[in-house]
Amino acid sequence: MVSACHVFLASTVTVVGWQLLAFTLYEGLICAFLRLRSGVIAALAHGIAIFLLAGALI
């Protein structure tokens, strides 16, 4: 469900296109791995990734 929301946002709110979808998939896999290994660090990784992505788009 969460991934569907990310796909919707990536395809409607931005004009980046498939590159953002590929990044979202890659980041989601990394965060899922971190979540399985260490819990809260996944939320921090997600926040940092969004911060870096937003900085690159400005």
PDB file of N, CA and C in Angstrom:
ATOM      1  N   MET A   1       0.815  -1.197   0.000  1.00  0.00           N
ATOM      2  CA  MET A   1       0.000   0.000   0.000  1.00  0.00           C
ATOM      3  C   MET A   1       0.854   1.255   0.000  1.00  0.00           C
ATOM      4  N   VAL A   2       1.868   1.261   0.841  1.00  0.00           N
ATOM      5  CA  VAL A   2       2.734   2.437   0.914  1.00  0.00           C
ATOM      6  C   VAL A   2       3.446   2.655  -0.413  1.00  0.00           C
ATOM      7  N   SER A   3       3.876   1.582  -1.052  1.00  0.00           N
ATOM      8  CA  SER A   3       4.562   1.742  -2.332  1.00  0.00           C
ATOM      9  C   SER A   3       3.628   2.313  -3.393  1.00  0.00           C
ATOM     10  N   ALA A   4       2.363   1.957  -3.344  1.00  0.00           N
ATOM     11  CA  ALA A   4       1.397   2.512  -4.303  1.00  0.00           C
ATOM     12  C   ALA A   4       1.262   4.018  -4.123  1.00  0.00           C
ATOM     13  N   CYS A   5       1.284   4.473  -2.897  1.00  0.00           N
ATOM     14  CA  CYS A   5       1.224   5.921  -2.635  1.00  0.00           C
ATOM     15  C   CYS A   5       2.471   6.613  -3.165  1.00  0.00           C
ATOM     16  N   HIS A   6       3.635   5.985  -3.009  1.00  0.00           N
ATOM     17  CA  HIS A   6       4.863   6.564  -3.523  1.00  0.00           C
ATOM     18  C   HIS A   6       4.843   6.638  -5.047  1.00  0.00           C
ATOM     19  N   VAL A   7       4.342   5.602  -5.692  1.00  0.00           N
ATOM     20  CA  VAL A   7       4.250   5.621  -7.156  1.00  0.00           C
ATOM     21  C   VAL A   7       3.304   6.719  -7.608  1.00  0.00           C
ATOM     22  N   PHE A   8       2.173   6.879  -6.938  1.00  0.00           N
ATOM     23  CA  PHE A   8       1.225   7.936  -7.284  1.00  0.00           C
ATOM     24  C   PHE A   8       1.880   9.303  -7.155  1.00  0.00           C
ATOM     25  N   LEU A   9       2.552   9.546  -6.038  1.00  0.00           N
ATOM     26  CA  LEU A   9       3.208  10.843  -5.847  1.00  0.00           C
ATOM     27  C   LEU A   9       4.314  11.069  -6.864  1.00  0.00           C
ATOM     28  N   ALA A  10       5.118  10.043  -7.120  1.00  0.00           N
ATOM     29  CA  ALA A  10       6.225  10.185  -8.059  1.00  0.00           C
ATOM     30  C   ALA A  10       5.739  10.472  -9.471  1.00  0.00           C
ATOM     31  N   SER A  11       4.594   9.925  -9.834  1.00  0.00           N
ATOM     32  CA  SER A  11       4.116  10.101 -11.209  1.00  0.00           C
ATOM     33  C   SER A  11       3.218  11.309 -11.401  1.00  0.00           C
ATOM     34  N   THR A  12       2.648  11.860 -10.335  1.00  0.00           N
ATOM     35  CA  THR A  12       1.737  12.983 -10.503  1.00  0.00           C
ATOM     36  C   THR A  12       2.268  14.311  -9.971  1.00  0.00           C
ATOM     37  N   VAL A  13       3.072  14.271  -8.937  1.00  0.00           N
ATOM     38  CA  VAL A  13       3.521  15.514  -8.311  1.00  0.00           C
ATOM     39  C   VAL A  13       4.797  16.041  -8.951  1.00  0.00           C
ATOM     40  N   THR A  14       5.630  15.159  -9.463  1.00  0.00           N
ATOM     41  CA  THR A  14       6.896  15.586 -10.046  1.00  0.00           C
ATOM     42  C   THR A  14       6.899  15.345 -11.550  1.00  0.00           C
ATOM     43  N   VAL A  15       7.881  15.927 -12.202  1.00  0.00           N
ATOM     44  CA  VAL A  15       8.054  15.722 -13.640  1.00  0.00           C
ATOM     45  C   VAL A  15       9.314  14.909 -13.920  1.00  0.00           C
ATOM     46  N   VAL A  16       9.891  14.315 -12.877  1.00  0.00           N
ATOM     47  CA  VAL A  16      11.135  13.569 -13.032  1.00  0.00           C
ATOM     48  C   VAL A  16      10.910  12.282 -13.814  1.00  0.00           C
ATOM     49  N   GLY A  17       9.804  11.599 -13.559  1.00  0.00           N
ATOM     50  CA  GLY A  17       9.478  10.403 -14.316  1.00  0.00           C
ATOM     51  C   GLY A  17      10.073   9.122 -13.779  1.00  0.00           C
ATOM     52  N   TRP A  18      10.484   8.248 -14.698  1.00  0.00           N
ATOM     53  CA  TRP A  18      10.920   6.906 -14.319  1.00  0.00           C
ATOM     54  C   TRP A  18      12.148   6.910 -13.427  1.00  0.00           C
ATOM     55  N   GLN A  19      12.993   7.946 -13.530  1.00  0.00           N
ATOM     56  CA  GLN A  19      14.177   7.997 -12.680  1.00  0.00           C
ATOM     57  C   GLN A  19      13.789   8.052 -11.204  1.00  0.00           C
ATOM     58  N   LEU A  20      12.747   8.807 -10.901  1.00  0.00           N
ATOM     59  CA  LEU A  20      12.281   8.887  -9.518  1.00  0.00           C
ATOM     60  C   LEU A  20      11.669   7.564  -9.073  1.00  0.00           C
ATOM     61  N   LEU A  21      10.972   6.893  -9.964  1.00  0.00           N
ATOM     62  CA  LEU A  21      10.420   5.579  -9.620  1.00  0.00           C
ATOM     63  C   LEU A  21      11.537   4.571  -9.363  1.00  0.00           C
ATOM     64  N   ALA A  22      12.592   4.618 -10.161  1.00  0.00           N
ATOM     65  CA  ALA A  22      13.728   3.714  -9.948  1.00  0.00           C
ATOM     66  C   ALA A  22      14.416   4.023  -8.623  1.00  0.00           C
ATOM     67  N   PHE A  23      14.578   5.303  -8.325  1.00  0.00           N
ATOM     68  CA  PHE A  23      15.177   5.694  -7.046  1.00  0.00           C
ATOM     69  C   PHE A  23      14.303   5.245  -5.883  1.00  0.00           C
ATOM     70  N   THR A  24      12.993   5.403  -6.018  1.00  0.00           N
ATOM     71  CA  THR A  24      12.069   5.001  -4.959  1.00  0.00           C
ATOM     72  C   THR A  24      12.155   3.499  -4.708  1.00  0.00           C
ATOM     73  N   LEU A  25      12.238   2.707  -5.769  1.00  0.00           N
ATOM     74  CA  LEU A  25      12.388   1.264  -5.616  1.00  0.00           C
ATOM     75  C   LEU A  25      13.694   0.923  -4.909  1.00  0.00           C
ATOM     76  N   TYR A  26      14.780   1.522  -5.357  1.00  0.00           N
ATOM     77  CA  TYR A  26      16.098   1.273  -4.769  1.00  0.00           C
ATOM     78  C   TYR A  26      16.111   1.672  -3.296  1.00  0.00           C
ATOM     79  N   GLU A  27      15.605   2.846  -2.998  1.00  0.00           N
ATOM     80  CA  GLU A  27      15.573   3.318  -1.617  1.00  0.00           C
ATOM     81  C   GLU A  27      14.660   2.451  -0.757  1.00  0.00           C
ATOM     82  N   GLY A  28      13.551   2.015  -1.303  1.00  0.00           N
ATOM     83  CA  GLY A  28      12.635   1.153  -0.565  1.00  0.00           C
ATOM     84  C   GLY A  28      13.264  -0.172  -0.197  1.00  0.00           C
ATOM     85  N   LEU A  29      14.037  -0.741  -1.114  1.00  0.00           N
ATOM     86  CA  LEU A  29      14.724  -1.997  -0.825  1.00  0.00           C
ATOM     87  C   LEU A  29      15.776  -1.813   0.270  1.00  0.00           C
ATOM     88  N   ILE A  30      16.511  -0.708   0.203  1.00  0.00           N
ATOM     89  CA  ILE A  30      17.509  -0.431   1.235  1.00  0.00           C
ATOM     90  C   ILE A  30      16.842  -0.219   2.588  1.00  0.00           C
ATOM     91  N   CYS A  31      15.770   0.568   2.625  1.00  0.00           N
ATOM     92  CA  CYS A  31      15.071   0.814   3.895  1.00  0.00           C
ATOM     93  C   CYS A  31      14.446  -0.465   4.450  1.00  0.00           C
ATOM     94  N   ALA A  32      13.943  -1.333   3.584  1.00  0.00           N
ATOM     95  CA  ALA A  32      13.383  -2.600   4.053  1.00  0.00           C
ATOM     96  C   ALA A  32      14.470  -3.465   4.680  1.00  0.00           C
ATOM     97  N   PHE A  33      15.627  -3.504   4.047  1.00  0.00           N
ATOM     98  CA  PHE A  33      16.746  -4.253   4.608  1.00  0.00           C
ATOM     99  C   PHE A  33      17.165  -3.676   5.961  1.00  0.00           C
ATOM    100  N   LEU A  34      17.286  -2.343   6.032  1.00  0.00           N
ATOM    101  CA  LEU A  34      17.663  -1.711   7.295  1.00  0.00           C
ATOM    102  C   LEU A  34      16.616  -1.951   8.374  1.00  0.00           C
ATOM    103  N   ARG A  35      15.363  -1.936   7.992  1.00  0.00           N
ATOM    104  CA  ARG A  35      14.279  -2.162   8.955  1.00  0.00           C
ATOM    105  C   ARG A  35      14.370  -3.568   9.538  1.00  0.00           C
ATOM    106  N   LEU A  36      14.655  -4.535   8.696  1.00  0.00           N
ATOM    107  CA  LEU A  36      14.793  -5.899   9.181  1.00  0.00           C
ATOM    108  C   LEU A  36      16.001  -6.051  10.104  1.00  0.00           C
ATOM    109  N   ARG A  37      17.048  -5.302   9.814  1.00  0.00           N
ATOM    110  CA  ARG A  37      18.282  -5.427  10.591  1.00  0.00           C
ATOM    111  C   ARG A  37      18.291  -4.593  11.866  1.00  0.00           C
ATOM    112  N   SER A  38      17.734  -3.352  11.812  1.00  0.00           N
ATOM    113  CA  SER A  38      17.955  -2.469  12.950  1.00  0.00           C
ATOM    114  C   SER A  38      16.785  -1.568  13.335  1.00  0.00           C
ATOM    115  N   GLY A  39      15.640  -1.717  12.748  1.00  0.00           N
ATOM    116  CA  GLY A  39      14.462  -0.978  13.196  1.00  0.00           C
ATOM    117  C   GLY A  39      14.430   0.496  12.811  1.00  0.00           C
ATOM    118  N   VAL A  40      14.656   1.363  13.773  1.00  0.00           N
ATOM    119  CA  VAL A  40      14.442   2.800  13.605  1.00  0.00           C
ATOM    120  C   VAL A  40      15.374   3.424  12.573  1.00  0.00           C
ATOM    121  N   ILE A  41      16.511   2.838  12.346  1.00  0.00           N
ATOM    122  CA  ILE A  41      17.463   3.411  11.398  1.00  0.00           C
ATOM    123  C   ILE A  41      16.835   3.529  10.005  1.00  0.00           C
ATOM    124  N   ALA A  42      15.894   2.681   9.679  1.00  0.00           N
ATOM    125  CA  ALA A  42      15.231   2.753   8.372  1.00  0.00           C
ATOM    126  C   ALA A  42      14.505   4.079   8.198  1.00  0.00           C
ATOM    127  N   ALA A  43      13.850   4.559   9.236  1.00  0.00           N
ATOM    128  CA  ALA A  43      13.163   5.846   9.160  1.00  0.00           C
ATOM    129  C   ALA A  43      14.162   6.980   8.957  1.00  0.00           C
ATOM    130  N   LEU A  44      15.298   6.903   9.607  1.00  0.00           N
ATOM    131  CA  LEU A  44      16.337   7.915   9.418  1.00  0.00           C
ATOM    132  C   LEU A  44      16.896   7.863   7.998  1.00  0.00           C
ATOM    133  N   ALA A  45      17.109   6.660   7.484  1.00  0.00           N
ATOM    134  CA  ALA A  45      17.615   6.509   6.118  1.00  0.00           C
ATOM    135  C   ALA A  45      16.628   7.081   5.113  1.00  0.00           C
ATOM    136  N   HIS A  46      15.345   6.843   5.341  1.00  0.00           N
ATOM    137  CA  HIS A  46      14.315   7.371   4.448  1.00  0.00           C
ATOM    138  C   HIS A  46      14.310   8.900   4.483  1.00  0.00           C
ATOM    139  N   GLY A  47      14.381   9.463   5.671  1.00  0.00           N
ATOM    140  CA  GLY A  47      14.405  10.924   5.805  1.00  0.00           C
ATOM    141  C   GLY A  47      15.611  11.542   5.131  1.00  0.00           C
ATOM    142  N   ILE A  48      16.773  10.924   5.297  1.00  0.00           N
ATOM    143  CA  ILE A  48      17.982  11.443   4.662  1.00  0.00           C
ATOM    144  C   ILE A  48      17.886  11.338   3.153  1.00  0.00           C
ATOM    145  N   ALA A  49      17.354  10.236   2.639  1.00  0.00           N
ATOM    146  CA  ALA A  49      17.200  10.080   1.190  1.00  0.00           C
ATOM    147  C   ALA A  49      16.262  11.127   0.616  1.00  0.00           C
ATOM    148  N   ILE A  50      15.158  11.396   1.292  1.00  0.00           N
ATOM    149  CA  ILE A  50      14.227  12.425   0.812  1.00  0.00           C
ATOM    150  C   ILE A  50      14.891  13.806   0.855  1.00  0.00           C
ATOM    151  N   PHE A  51      15.637  14.076   1.905  1.00  0.00           N
ATOM    152  CA  PHE A  51      16.362  15.354   2.010  1.00  0.00           C
ATOM    153  C   PHE A  51      17.347  15.519   0.848  1.00  0.00           C
ATOM    154  N   LEU A  52      18.113  14.479   0.555  1.00  0.00           N
ATOM    155  CA  LEU A  52      19.074  14.550  -0.543  1.00  0.00           C
ATOM    156  C   LEU A  52      18.374  14.681  -1.896  1.00  0.00           C
ATOM    157  N   LEU A  53      17.293  13.954  -2.074  1.00  0.00           N
ATOM    158  CA  LEU A  53      16.551  14.046  -3.326  1.00  0.00           C
ATOM    159  C   LEU A  53      15.952  15.430  -3.504  1.00  0.00           C
ATOM    160  N   ALA A  54      15.357  15.981  -2.463  1.00  0.00           N
ATOM    161  CA  ALA A  54      14.763  17.314  -2.549  1.00  0.00           C
ATOM    162  C   ALA A  54      15.845  18.358  -2.827  1.00  0.00           C
ATOM    163  N   GLY A  55      17.006  18.193  -2.237  1.00  0.00           N
ATOM    164  CA  GLY A  55      18.099  19.126  -2.482  1.00  0.00           C
ATOM    165  C   GLY A  55      18.574  19.071  -3.932  1.00  0.00           C
ATOM    166  N   ALA A  56      18.553  17.885  -4.524  1.00  0.00           N
ATOM    167  CA  ALA A  56      18.995  17.741  -5.919  1.00  0.00           C
ATOM    168  C   ALA A  56      17.972  18.319  -6.891  1.00  0.00           C
ATOM    169  N   LEU A  57      16.715  18.355  -6.508  1.00  0.00           N
ATOM    170  CA  LEU A  57      15.666  18.849  -7.403  1.00  0.00           C
ATOM    171  C   LEU A  57      15.545  20.380  -7.386  1.00  0.00           C
ATOM    172  N   ILE A  58      16.106  21.005  -6.372  1.00  0.00           N
ATOM    173  CA  ILE A  58      15.961  22.480  -6.253  1.00  0.00           C
ATOM    174  C   ILE A  58      16.909  23.192  -7.143  1.00  0.00           C
TER     175      ILE A  58
END
